[in-house]
Amino acid sequence: MEVSNQNTGAALFGFIFFIIIIVIVSFFIWRFLVEHKGRLPGEFCNIDDECAAGQYCGGGNQCTPGVSGGTIGAICLANSDCQVGLLCKGTSSLMSCQRI
C-alpha cells in the first residue's frame, strides 16, 4: 500500500508541475503578443507600424513621438524626421521640426 501512495504523490507532483508550466507559458504569450502594442520611444524600428500609437520611425531608426513626416513642432532627432521645408532644431535634449 505504501508503494501506491508514492506513485500517487509522484503523479500529483507531475500534474502540478504541468499546470505551473502552462500558466507561465500563457503569461508570456499574453505579455508579448497581446499587451505589447508597439515599441517605446528610442527603441529600434524599421517602419512606423512597429512603433506605439502617436509615434513614427524617425532618424536613427528609433521610435519617435510625433507624426510621421514631422510637421511643425513634432519632436525629431534629425532633419530627415521633418517634412520638406522644415529643419530639426533645438537643444540636444529637446528638438522639434521648425521652419527654415
PDB file of N, CA and C in Angstrom:
ATOM      1  N   MET A   1       0.815  -1.187   0.000  1.00  0.00           N
ATOM      2  CA  MET A   1       0.000   0.000   0.000  1.00  0.00           C
ATOM      3  C   MET A   1       0.862   1.256   0.000  1.00  0.00           C
ATOM      4  N   GLU A   2       1.984   1.198   0.633  1.00  0.00           N
ATOM      5  CA  GLU A   2       2.878   2.354   0.689  1.00  0.00           C
ATOM      6  C   GLU A   2       3.410   2.706  -0.698  1.00  0.00           C
ATOM      7  N   VAL A   3       3.681   1.736  -1.550  1.00  0.00           N
ATOM      8  CA  VAL A   3       4.184   1.956  -2.895  1.00  0.00           C
ATOM      9  C   VAL A   3       3.154   2.731  -3.715  1.00  0.00           C
ATOM     10  N   SER A   4       1.895   2.412  -3.597  1.00  0.00           N
ATOM     11  CA  SER A   4       0.870   3.095  -4.368  1.00  0.00           C
ATOM     12  C   SER A   4       0.731   4.550  -3.922  1.00  0.00           C
ATOM     13  N   ASN A   5       0.933   4.850  -2.655  1.00  0.00           N
ATOM     14  CA  ASN A   5       0.907   6.237  -2.181  1.00  0.00           C
ATOM     15  C   ASN A   5       2.057   7.046  -2.784  1.00  0.00           C
ATOM     16  N   GLN A   6       3.204   6.421  -2.943  1.00  0.00           N
ATOM     17  CA  GLN A   6       4.341   7.107  -3.560  1.00  0.00           C
ATOM     18  C   GLN A   6       4.043   7.396  -5.026  1.00  0.00           C
ATOM     19  N   ASN A   7       3.439   6.449  -5.719  1.00  0.00           N
ATOM     20  CA  ASN A   7       3.079   6.658  -7.125  1.00  0.00           C
ATOM     21  C   ASN A   7       2.044   7.767  -7.263  1.00  0.00           C
ATOM     22  N   THR A   8       1.086   7.798  -6.358  1.00  0.00           N
ATOM     23  CA  THR A   8       0.063   8.843  -6.390  1.00  0.00           C
ATOM     24  C   THR A   8       0.707  10.209  -6.134  1.00  0.00           C
ATOM     25  N   GLY A   9       1.617  10.262  -5.204  1.00  0.00           N
ATOM     26  CA  GLY A   9       2.314  11.517  -4.901  1.00  0.00           C
ATOM     27  C   GLY A   9       3.139  12.002  -6.081  1.00  0.00           C
ATOM     28  N   ALA A  10       3.812  11.095  -6.766  1.00  0.00           N
ATOM     29  CA  ALA A  10       4.611  11.462  -7.939  1.00  0.00           C
ATOM     30  C   ALA A  10       3.706  11.956  -9.065  1.00  0.00           C
ATOM     31  N   ALA A  11       2.563  11.306  -9.250  1.00  0.00           N
ATOM     32  CA  ALA A  11       1.620  11.727 -10.289  1.00  0.00           C
ATOM     33  C   ALA A  11       1.056  13.104  -9.964  1.00  0.00           C
ATOM     34  N   LEU A  12       0.732  13.345  -8.704  1.00  0.00           N
ATOM     35  CA  LEU A  12       0.217  14.651  -8.287  1.00  0.00           C
ATOM     36  C   LEU A  12       1.272  15.736  -8.491  1.00  0.00           C
ATOM     37  N   PHE A  13       2.517  15.456  -8.139  1.00  0.00           N
ATOM     38  CA  PHE A  13       3.605  16.408  -8.352  1.00  0.00           C
ATOM     39  C   PHE A  13       3.761  16.720  -9.833  1.00  0.00           C
ATOM     40  N   GLY A  14       3.721  15.683 -10.686  1.00  0.00           N
ATOM     41  CA  GLY A  14       3.829  15.889 -12.130  1.00  0.00           C
ATOM     42  C   GLY A  14       2.693  16.744 -12.663  1.00  0.00           C
ATOM     43  N   PHE A  15       1.481  16.507 -12.196  1.00  0.00           N
ATOM     44  CA  PHE A  15       0.325  17.292 -12.633  1.00  0.00           C
ATOM     45  C   PHE A  15       0.472  18.751 -12.216  1.00  0.00           C
ATOM     46  N   ILE A  16       0.852  19.007 -10.984  1.00  0.00           N
ATOM     47  CA  ILE A  16       1.038  20.385 -10.501  1.00  0.00           C
ATOM     48  C   ILE A  16       2.149  21.068 -11.282  1.00  0.00           C
ATOM     49  N   PHE A  17       3.237  20.384 -11.542  1.00  0.00           N
ATOM     50  CA  PHE A  17       4.339  20.944 -12.328  1.00  0.00           C
ATOM     51  C   PHE A  17       3.849  21.307 -13.740  1.00  0.00           C
ATOM     52  N   PHE A  18       3.054  20.450 -14.370  1.00  0.00           N
ATOM     53  CA  PHE A  18       2.500  20.704 -15.693  1.00  0.00           C
ATOM     54  C   PHE A  18       1.620  21.959 -15.680  1.00  0.00           C
ATOM     55  N   ILE A  19       0.774  22.109 -14.687  1.00  0.00           N
ATOM     56  CA  ILE A  19      -0.107  23.286 -14.581  1.00  0.00           C
ATOM     57  C   ILE A  19       0.719  24.555 -14.417  1.00  0.00           C
ATOM     58  N   ILE A  20       1.754  24.521 -13.615  1.00  0.00           N
ATOM     59  CA  ILE A  20       2.617  25.695 -13.424  1.00  0.00           C
ATOM     60  C   ILE A  20       3.274  26.088 -14.742  1.00  0.00           C
ATOM     61  N   ILE A  21       3.763  25.138 -15.498  1.00  0.00           N
ATOM     62  CA  ILE A  21       4.385  25.418 -16.802  1.00  0.00           C
ATOM     63  C   ILE A  21       3.369  26.051 -17.746  1.00  0.00           C
ATOM     64  N   ILE A  22       2.151  25.537 -17.784  1.00  0.00           N
ATOM     65  CA  ILE A  22       1.097  26.092 -18.652  1.00  0.00           C
ATOM     66  C   ILE A  22       0.800  27.540 -18.264  1.00  0.00           C
ATOM     67  N   VAL A  23       0.722  27.830 -16.987  1.00  0.00           N
ATOM     68  CA  VAL A  23       0.455  29.197 -16.517  1.00  0.00           C
ATOM     69  C   VAL A  23       1.593  30.128 -16.926  1.00  0.00           C
ATOM     70  N   ILE A  24       2.821  29.710 -16.765  1.00  0.00           N
ATOM     71  CA  ILE A  24       3.973  30.551 -17.128  1.00  0.00           C
ATOM     72  C   ILE A  24       3.997  30.813 -18.632  1.00  0.00           C
ATOM     73  N   VAL A  25       3.799  29.796 -19.427  1.00  0.00           N
ATOM     74  CA  VAL A  25       3.791  29.958 -20.884  1.00  0.00           C
ATOM     75  C   VAL A  25       2.650  30.879 -21.304  1.00  0.00           C
ATOM     76  N   SER A  26       1.481  30.709 -20.725  1.00  0.00           N
ATOM     77  CA  SER A  26       0.334  31.568 -21.042  1.00  0.00           C
ATOM     78  C   SER A  26       0.627  33.025 -20.706  1.00  0.00           C
ATOM     79  N   PHE A  27       1.273  33.267 -19.580  1.00  0.00           N
ATOM     80  CA  PHE A  27       1.616  34.639 -19.198  1.00  0.00           C
ATOM     81  C   PHE A  27       2.523  35.284 -20.238  1.00  0.00           C
ATOM     82  N   PHE A  28       3.550  34.571 -20.670  1.00  0.00           N
ATOM     83  CA  PHE A  28       4.473  35.141 -21.650  1.00  0.00           C
ATOM     84  C   PHE A  28       3.810  35.362 -23.005  1.00  0.00           C
ATOM     85  N   ILE A  29       2.921  34.477 -23.399  1.00  0.00           N
ATOM     86  CA  ILE A  29       2.179  34.691 -24.644  1.00  0.00           C
ATOM     87  C   ILE A  29       1.342  35.955 -24.528  1.00  0.00           C
ATOM     88  N   TRP A  30       0.626  36.119 -23.429  1.00  0.00           N
ATOM     89  CA  TRP A  30      -0.183  37.313 -23.209  1.00  0.00           C
ATOM     90  C   TRP A  30       0.683  38.566 -23.165  1.00  0.00           C
ATOM     91  N   ARG A  31       1.783  38.511 -22.461  1.00  0.00           N
ATOM     92  CA  ARG A  31       2.645  39.683 -22.271  1.00  0.00           C
ATOM     93  C   ARG A  31       3.244  40.178 -23.583  1.00  0.00           C
ATOM     94  N   PHE A  32       3.750  39.279 -24.391  1.00  0.00           N
ATOM     95  CA  PHE A  32       4.481  39.697 -25.584  1.00  0.00           C
ATOM     96  C   PHE A  32       3.619  39.791 -26.836  1.00  0.00           C
ATOM     97  N   LEU A  33       2.494  39.091 -26.895  1.00  0.00           N
ATOM     98  CA  LEU A  33       1.676  39.144 -28.091  1.00  0.00           C
ATOM     99  C   LEU A  33       0.455  40.048 -27.949  1.00  0.00           C
ATOM    100  N   VAL A  34      -0.059  40.200 -26.759  1.00  0.00           N
ATOM    101  CA  VAL A  34      -1.275  40.973 -26.571  1.00  0.00           C
ATOM    102  C   VAL A  34      -0.980  42.330 -25.943  1.00  0.00           C
ATOM    103  N   GLU A  35      -0.271  42.359 -24.835  1.00  0.00           N
ATOM    104  CA  GLU A  35      -0.069  43.597 -24.107  1.00  0.00           C
ATOM    105  C   GLU A  35       0.863  44.563 -24.836  1.00  0.00           C
ATOM    106  N   HIS A  36       1.923  44.070 -25.441  1.00  0.00           N
ATOM    107  CA  HIS A  36       2.909  44.937 -26.097  1.00  0.00           C
ATOM    108  C   HIS A  36       2.363  45.398 -27.434  1.00  0.00           C
ATOM    109  N   LYS A  37       1.960  46.656 -27.519  1.00  0.00           N
ATOM    110  CA  LYS A  37       1.291  47.173 -28.712  1.00  0.00           C
ATOM    111  C   LYS A  37       2.170  48.108 -29.516  1.00  0.00           C
ATOM    112  N   GLY A  38       3.436  48.003 -29.401  1.00  0.00           N
ATOM    113  CA  GLY A  38       4.343  48.841 -30.161  1.00  0.00           C
ATOM    114  C   GLY A  38       5.566  49.190 -29.338  1.00  0.00           C
ATOM    115  N   ARG A  39       6.590  49.565 -30.037  1.00  0.00           N
ATOM    116  CA  ARG A  39       7.845  49.875 -29.365  1.00  0.00           C
ATOM    117  C   ARG A  39       7.783  51.252 -28.731  1.00  0.00           C
ATOM    118  N   LEU A  40       8.566  51.422 -27.694  1.00  0.00           N
ATOM    119  CA  LEU A  40       8.611  52.671 -26.945  1.00  0.00           C
ATOM    120  C   LEU A  40       9.572  53.662 -27.579  1.00  0.00           C
ATOM    121  N   PRO A  41       9.477  54.948 -27.216  1.00  0.00           N
ATOM    122  CA  PRO A  41      10.409  55.938 -27.774  1.00  0.00           C
ATOM    123  C   PRO A  41      11.861  55.522 -27.558  1.00  0.00           C
ATOM    124  N   GLY A  42      12.645  55.634 -28.624  1.00  0.00           N
ATOM    125  CA  GLY A  42      14.056  55.285 -28.560  1.00  0.00           C
ATOM    126  C   GLY A  42      14.355  53.852 -28.939  1.00  0.00           C
ATOM    127  N   GLU A  43      13.345  52.998 -29.010  1.00  0.00           N
ATOM    128  CA  GLU A  43      13.575  51.607 -29.398  1.00  0.00           C
ATOM    129  C   GLU A  43      13.744  51.507 -30.914  1.00  0.00           C
ATOM    130  N   PHE A  44      14.496  50.512 -31.350  1.00  0.00           N
ATOM    131  CA  PHE A  44      14.811  50.321 -32.763  1.00  0.00           C
ATOM    132  C   PHE A  44      13.553  50.013 -33.576  1.00  0.00           C
ATOM    133  N   CYS A  45      13.482  50.561 -34.802  1.00  0.00           N
ATOM    134  CA  CYS A  45      12.366  50.288 -35.707  1.00  0.00           C
ATOM    135  C   CYS A  45      12.838  50.378 -37.153  1.00  0.00           C
ATOM    136  N   ASN A  46      12.047  49.795 -38.044  1.00  0.00           N
ATOM    137  CA  ASN A  46      12.292  49.910 -39.479  1.00  0.00           C
ATOM    138  C   ASN A  46      11.166  50.652 -40.176  1.00  0.00           C
ATOM    139  N   ILE A  47       9.943  50.516 -39.643  1.00  0.00           N
ATOM    140  CA  ILE A  47       8.769  51.175 -40.235  1.00  0.00           C
ATOM    141  C   ILE A  47       7.904  51.757 -39.121  1.00  0.00           C
ATOM    142  N   ASP A  48       7.036  52.709 -39.479  1.00  0.00           N
ATOM    143  CA  ASP A  48       6.175  53.369 -38.492  1.00  0.00           C
ATOM    144  C   ASP A  48       5.289  52.392 -37.729  1.00  0.00           C
ATOM    145  N   ASP A  49       4.792  51.358 -38.401  1.00  0.00           N
ATOM    146  CA  ASP A  49       3.864  50.412 -37.783  1.00  0.00           C
ATOM    147  C   ASP A  49       4.472  49.657 -36.602  1.00  0.00           C
ATOM    148  N   GLU A  50       5.775  49.611 -36.493  1.00  0.00           N
ATOM    149  CA  GLU A  50       6.418  48.913 -35.378  1.00  0.00           C
ATOM    150  C   GLU A  50       6.372  49.732 -34.095  1.00  0.00           C
ATOM    151  N   CYS A  51       6.117  51.020 -34.201  1.00  0.00           N
ATOM    152  CA  CYS A  51       6.117  51.913 -33.039  1.00  0.00           C
ATOM    153  C   CYS A  51       4.721  52.014 -32.431  1.00  0.00           C
ATOM    154  N   ALA A  52       4.655  52.380 -31.152  1.00  0.00           N
ATOM    155  CA  ALA A  52       3.382  52.543 -30.457  1.00  0.00           C
ATOM    156  C   ALA A  52       2.600  53.707 -31.060  1.00  0.00           C
ATOM    157  N   ALA A  53       1.317  53.768 -30.740  1.00  0.00           N
ATOM    158  CA  ALA A  53       0.448  54.834 -31.243  1.00  0.00           C
ATOM    159  C   ALA A  53       1.023  56.203 -30.882  1.00  0.00           C
ATOM    160  N   GLY A  54       0.931  57.156 -31.814  1.00  0.00           N
ATOM    161  CA  GLY A  54       1.426  58.508 -31.575  1.00  0.00           C
ATOM    162  C   GLY A  54       2.910  58.655 -31.824  1.00  0.00           C
ATOM    163  N   GLN A  55       3.524  57.636 -32.445  1.00  0.00           N
ATOM    164  CA  GLN A  55       4.953  57.684 -32.745  1.00  0.00           C
ATOM    165  C   GLN A  55       5.188  57.268 -34.191  1.00  0.00           C
ATOM    166  N   TYR A  56       6.367  57.552 -34.677  1.00  0.00           N
ATOM    167  CA  TYR A  56       6.774  57.117 -36.009  1.00  0.00           C
ATOM    168  C   TYR A  56       8.224  56.687 -35.946  1.00  0.00           C
ATOM    169  N   CYS A  57       8.655  55.970 -36.977  1.00  0.00           N
ATOM    170  CA  CYS A  57      10.032  55.504 -37.047  1.00  0.00           C
ATOM    171  C   CYS A  57      10.874  56.631 -37.625  1.00  0.00           C
ATOM    172  N   GLY A  58      11.607  57.314 -36.782  1.00  0.00           N
ATOM    173  CA  GLY A  58      12.354  58.507 -37.193  1.00  0.00           C
ATOM    174  C   GLY A  58      13.819  58.237 -37.445  1.00  0.00           C
ATOM    175  N   GLY A  59      14.591  59.319 -37.419  1.00  0.00           N
ATOM    176  CA  GLY A  59      16.024  59.247 -37.673  1.00  0.00           C
ATOM    177  C   GLY A  59      16.722  58.280 -36.740  1.00  0.00           C
ATOM    178  N   GLY A  60      17.725  57.616 -37.271  1.00  0.00           N
ATOM    179  CA  GLY A  60      18.462  56.639 -36.472  1.00  0.00           C
ATOM    180  C   GLY A  60      17.665  55.371 -36.236  1.00  0.00           C
ATOM    181  N   ASN A  61      16.593  55.176 -37.006  1.00  0.00           N
ATOM    182  CA  ASN A  61      15.728  54.004 -36.857  1.00  0.00           C
ATOM    183  C   ASN A  61      15.258  53.825 -35.416  1.00  0.00           C
ATOM    184  N   GLN A  62      14.757  54.919 -34.832  1.00  0.00           N
ATOM    185  CA  GLN A  62      14.226  54.877 -33.473  1.00  0.00           C
ATOM    186  C   GLN A  62      12.795  55.379 -33.466  1.00  0.00           C
ATOM    187  N   CYS A  63      11.948  54.766 -32.638  1.00  0.00           N
ATOM    188  CA  CYS A  63      10.589  55.251 -32.477  1.00  0.00           C
ATOM    189  C   CYS A  63      10.647  56.627 -31.829  1.00  0.00           C
ATOM    190  N   THR A  64       9.921  57.565 -32.437  1.00  0.00           N
ATOM    191  CA  THR A  64       9.978  58.965 -32.021  1.00  0.00           C
ATOM    192  C   THR A  64       8.553  59.482 -31.835  1.00  0.00           C
ATOM    193  N   PRO A  65       8.261  60.175 -30.715  1.00  0.00           N
ATOM    194  CA  PRO A  65       6.928  60.746 -30.542  1.00  0.00           C
ATOM    195  C   PRO A  65       6.627  61.754 -31.645  1.00  0.00           C
ATOM    196  N   GLY A  66       5.411  61.749 -32.151  1.00  0.00           N
ATOM    197  CA  GLY A  66       5.010  62.698 -33.177  1.00  0.00           C
ATOM    198  C   GLY A  66       4.356  61.987 -34.344  1.00  0.00           C
ATOM    199  N   VAL A  67       4.184  62.736 -35.414  1.00  0.00           N
ATOM    200  CA  VAL A  67       3.514  62.244 -36.609  1.00  0.00           C
ATOM    201  C   VAL A  67       4.551  62.002 -37.686  1.00  0.00           C
ATOM    202  N   SER A  68       4.434  60.903 -38.411  1.00  0.00           N
ATOM    203  CA  SER A  68       5.364  60.627 -39.494  1.00  0.00           C
ATOM    204  C   SER A  68       5.372  61.781 -40.470  1.00  0.00           C
ATOM    205  N   GLY A  69       6.517  62.179 -40.886  1.00  0.00           N
ATOM    206  CA  GLY A  69       6.631  63.306 -41.797  1.00  0.00           C
ATOM    207  C   GLY A  69       6.886  64.590 -41.057  1.00  0.00           C
ATOM    208  N   GLY A  70       6.957  64.539 -39.770  1.00  0.00           N
ATOM    209  CA  GLY A  70       7.317  65.650 -38.904  1.00  0.00           C
ATOM    210  C   GLY A  70       6.771  67.019 -39.285  1.00  0.00           C
ATOM    211  N   THR A  71       5.569  67.320 -38.847  1.00  0.00           N
ATOM    212  CA  THR A  71       5.009  68.652 -39.061  1.00  0.00           C
ATOM    213  C   THR A  71       5.639  69.626 -38.077  1.00  0.00           C
ATOM    214  N   ILE A  72       5.338  70.911 -38.204  1.00  0.00           N
ATOM    215  CA  ILE A  72       5.915  71.921 -37.307  1.00  0.00           C
ATOM    216  C   ILE A  72       5.611  71.552 -35.850  1.00  0.00           C
ATOM    217  N   GLY A  73       6.644  71.535 -35.047  1.00  0.00           N
ATOM    218  CA  GLY A  73       6.517  71.226 -33.631  1.00  0.00           C
ATOM    219  C   GLY A  73       6.679  69.765 -33.277  1.00  0.00           C
ATOM    220  N   ALA A  74       6.704  68.874 -34.278  1.00  0.00           N
ATOM    221  CA  ALA A  74       6.891  67.448 -33.990  1.00  0.00           C
ATOM    222  C   ALA A  74       8.297  67.213 -33.459  1.00  0.00           C
ATOM    223  N   ILE A  75       8.419  66.359 -32.476  1.00  0.00           N
ATOM    224  CA  ILE A  75       9.730  66.028 -31.915  1.00  0.00           C
ATOM    225  C   ILE A  75      10.536  65.285 -32.977  1.00  0.00           C
ATOM    226  N   CYS A  76      11.820  65.605 -33.092  1.00  0.00           N
ATOM    227  CA  CYS A  76      12.662  64.990 -34.113  1.00  0.00           C
ATOM    228  C   CYS A  76      14.060  64.736 -33.578  1.00  0.00           C
ATOM    229  N   LEU A  77      14.782  63.900 -34.297  1.00  0.00           N
ATOM    230  CA  LEU A  77      16.180  63.623 -33.983  1.00  0.00           C
ATOM    231  C   LEU A  77      17.107  64.115 -35.088  1.00  0.00           C
ATOM    232  N   ALA A  78      16.567  64.212 -36.307  1.00  0.00           N
ATOM    233  CA  ALA A  78      17.362  64.625 -37.465  1.00  0.00           C
ATOM    234  C   ALA A  78      16.444  65.316 -38.469  1.00  0.00           C
ATOM    235  N   ASN A  79      17.024  66.040 -39.416  1.00  0.00           N
ATOM    236  CA  ASN A  79      16.233  66.734 -40.434  1.00  0.00           C
ATOM    237  C   ASN A  79      15.354  65.766 -41.231  1.00  0.00           C
ATOM    238  N   SER A  80      15.804  64.530 -41.381  1.00  0.00           N
ATOM    239  CA  SER A  80      15.037  63.545 -42.141  1.00  0.00           C
ATOM    240  C   SER A  80      13.717  63.178 -41.457  1.00  0.00           C
ATOM    241  N   ASP A  81      13.561  63.538 -40.179  1.00  0.00           N
ATOM    242  CA  ASP A  81      12.318  63.275 -39.461  1.00  0.00           C
ATOM    243  C   ASP A  81      11.238  64.300 -39.795  1.00  0.00           C
ATOM    244  N   CYS A  82      11.627  65.404 -40.433  1.00  0.00           N
ATOM    245  CA  CYS A  82      10.718  66.518 -40.683  1.00  0.00           C
ATOM    246  C   CYS A  82      10.263  66.547 -42.143  1.00  0.00           C
ATOM    247  N   GLN A  83       9.105  67.185 -42.376  1.00  0.00           N
ATOM    248  CA  GLN A  83       8.609  67.366 -43.734  1.00  0.00           C
ATOM    249  C   GLN A  83       9.582  68.241 -44.520  1.00  0.00           C
ATOM    250  N   VAL A  84       9.473  68.175 -45.844  1.00  0.00           N
ATOM    251  CA  VAL A  84      10.300  69.016 -46.710  1.00  0.00           C
ATOM    252  C   VAL A  84      10.026  70.487 -46.364  1.00  0.00           C
ATOM    253  N   GLY A  85      11.087  71.265 -46.244  1.00  0.00           N
ATOM    254  CA  GLY A  85      10.964  72.682 -45.908  1.00  0.00           C
ATOM    255  C   GLY A  85      11.086  72.969 -44.422  1.00  0.00           C
ATOM    256  N   LEU A  86      11.215  71.932 -43.615  1.00  0.00           N
ATOM    257  CA  LEU A  86      11.396  72.103 -42.175  1.00  0.00           C
ATOM    258  C   LEU A  86      12.735  71.500 -41.770  1.00  0.00           C
ATOM    259  N   LEU A  87      13.310  72.052 -40.695  1.00  0.00           N
ATOM    260  CA  LEU A  87      14.562  71.532 -40.145  1.00  0.00           C
ATOM    261  C   LEU A  87      14.354  71.121 -38.701  1.00  0.00           C
ATOM    262  N   CYS A  88      15.143  70.180 -38.266  1.00  0.00           N
ATOM    263  CA  CYS A  88      15.116  69.733 -36.873  1.00  0.00           C
ATOM    264  C   CYS A  88      16.039  70.659 -36.079  1.00  0.00           C
ATOM    265  N   LYS A  89      15.444  71.503 -35.230  1.00  0.00           N
ATOM    266  CA  LYS A  89      16.225  72.481 -34.461  1.00  0.00           C
ATOM    267  C   LYS A  89      15.871  72.385 -32.985  1.00  0.00           C
ATOM    268  N   GLY A  90      16.771  72.921 -32.162  1.00  0.00           N
ATOM    269  CA  GLY A  90      16.530  72.985 -30.728  1.00  0.00           C
ATOM    270  C   GLY A  90      17.771  72.594 -29.959  1.00  0.00           C
ATOM    271  N   THR A  91      17.588  72.374 -28.661  1.00  0.00           N
ATOM    272  CA  THR A  91      18.701  71.931 -27.830  1.00  0.00           C
ATOM    273  C   THR A  91      18.885  70.426 -28.017  1.00  0.00           C
ATOM    274  N   SER A  92      19.982  69.894 -27.558  1.00  0.00           N
ATOM    275  CA  SER A  92      20.260  68.474 -27.760  1.00  0.00           C
ATOM    276  C   SER A  92      19.237  67.590 -27.039  1.00  0.00           C
ATOM    277  N   SER A  93      18.609  68.102 -25.984  1.00  0.00           N
ATOM    278  CA  SER A  93      17.652  67.281 -25.254  1.00  0.00           C
ATOM    279  C   SER A  93      16.220  67.437 -25.766  1.00  0.00           C
ATOM    280  N   LEU A  94      15.920  68.524 -26.476  1.00  0.00           N
ATOM    281  CA  LEU A  94      14.570  68.737 -26.998  1.00  0.00           C
ATOM    282  C   LEU A  94      14.647  69.422 -28.347  1.00  0.00           C
ATOM    283  N   MET A  95      14.449  68.641 -29.396  1.00  0.00           N
ATOM    284  CA  MET A  95      14.488  69.183 -30.748  1.00  0.00           C
ATOM    285  C   MET A  95      13.128  68.974 -31.397  1.00  0.00           C
ATOM    286  N   SER A  96      12.743  69.921 -32.263  1.00  0.00           N
ATOM    287  CA  SER A  96      11.461  69.808 -32.953  1.00  0.00           C
ATOM    288  C   SER A  96      11.586  70.344 -34.375  1.00  0.00           C
ATOM    289  N   CYS A  97      10.649  69.949 -35.237  1.00  0.00           N
ATOM    290  CA  CYS A  97      10.630  70.412 -36.616  1.00  0.00           C
ATOM    291  C   CYS A  97      10.194  71.877 -36.645  1.00  0.00           C
ATOM    292  N   GLN A  98      11.015  72.707 -37.289  1.00  0.00           N
ATOM    293  CA  GLN A  98      10.744  74.136 -37.351  1.00  0.00           C
ATOM    294  C   GLN A  98      10.988  74.654 -38.773  1.00  0.00           C
ATOM    295  N   ARG A  99      10.411  75.799 -39.075  1.00  0.00           N
ATOM    296  CA  ARG A  99      10.624  76.414 -40.381  1.00  0.00           C
ATOM    297  C   ARG A  99      12.094  76.773 -40.551  1.00  0.00           C
ATOM    298  N   ILE A 100      12.534  76.740 -41.810  1.00  0.00           N
ATOM    299  CA  ILE A 100      13.929  77.055 -42.115  1.00  0.00           C
ATOM    300  C   ILE A 100      14.242  78.496 -41.770  1.00  0.00           C
TER     301      ILE A 100
END
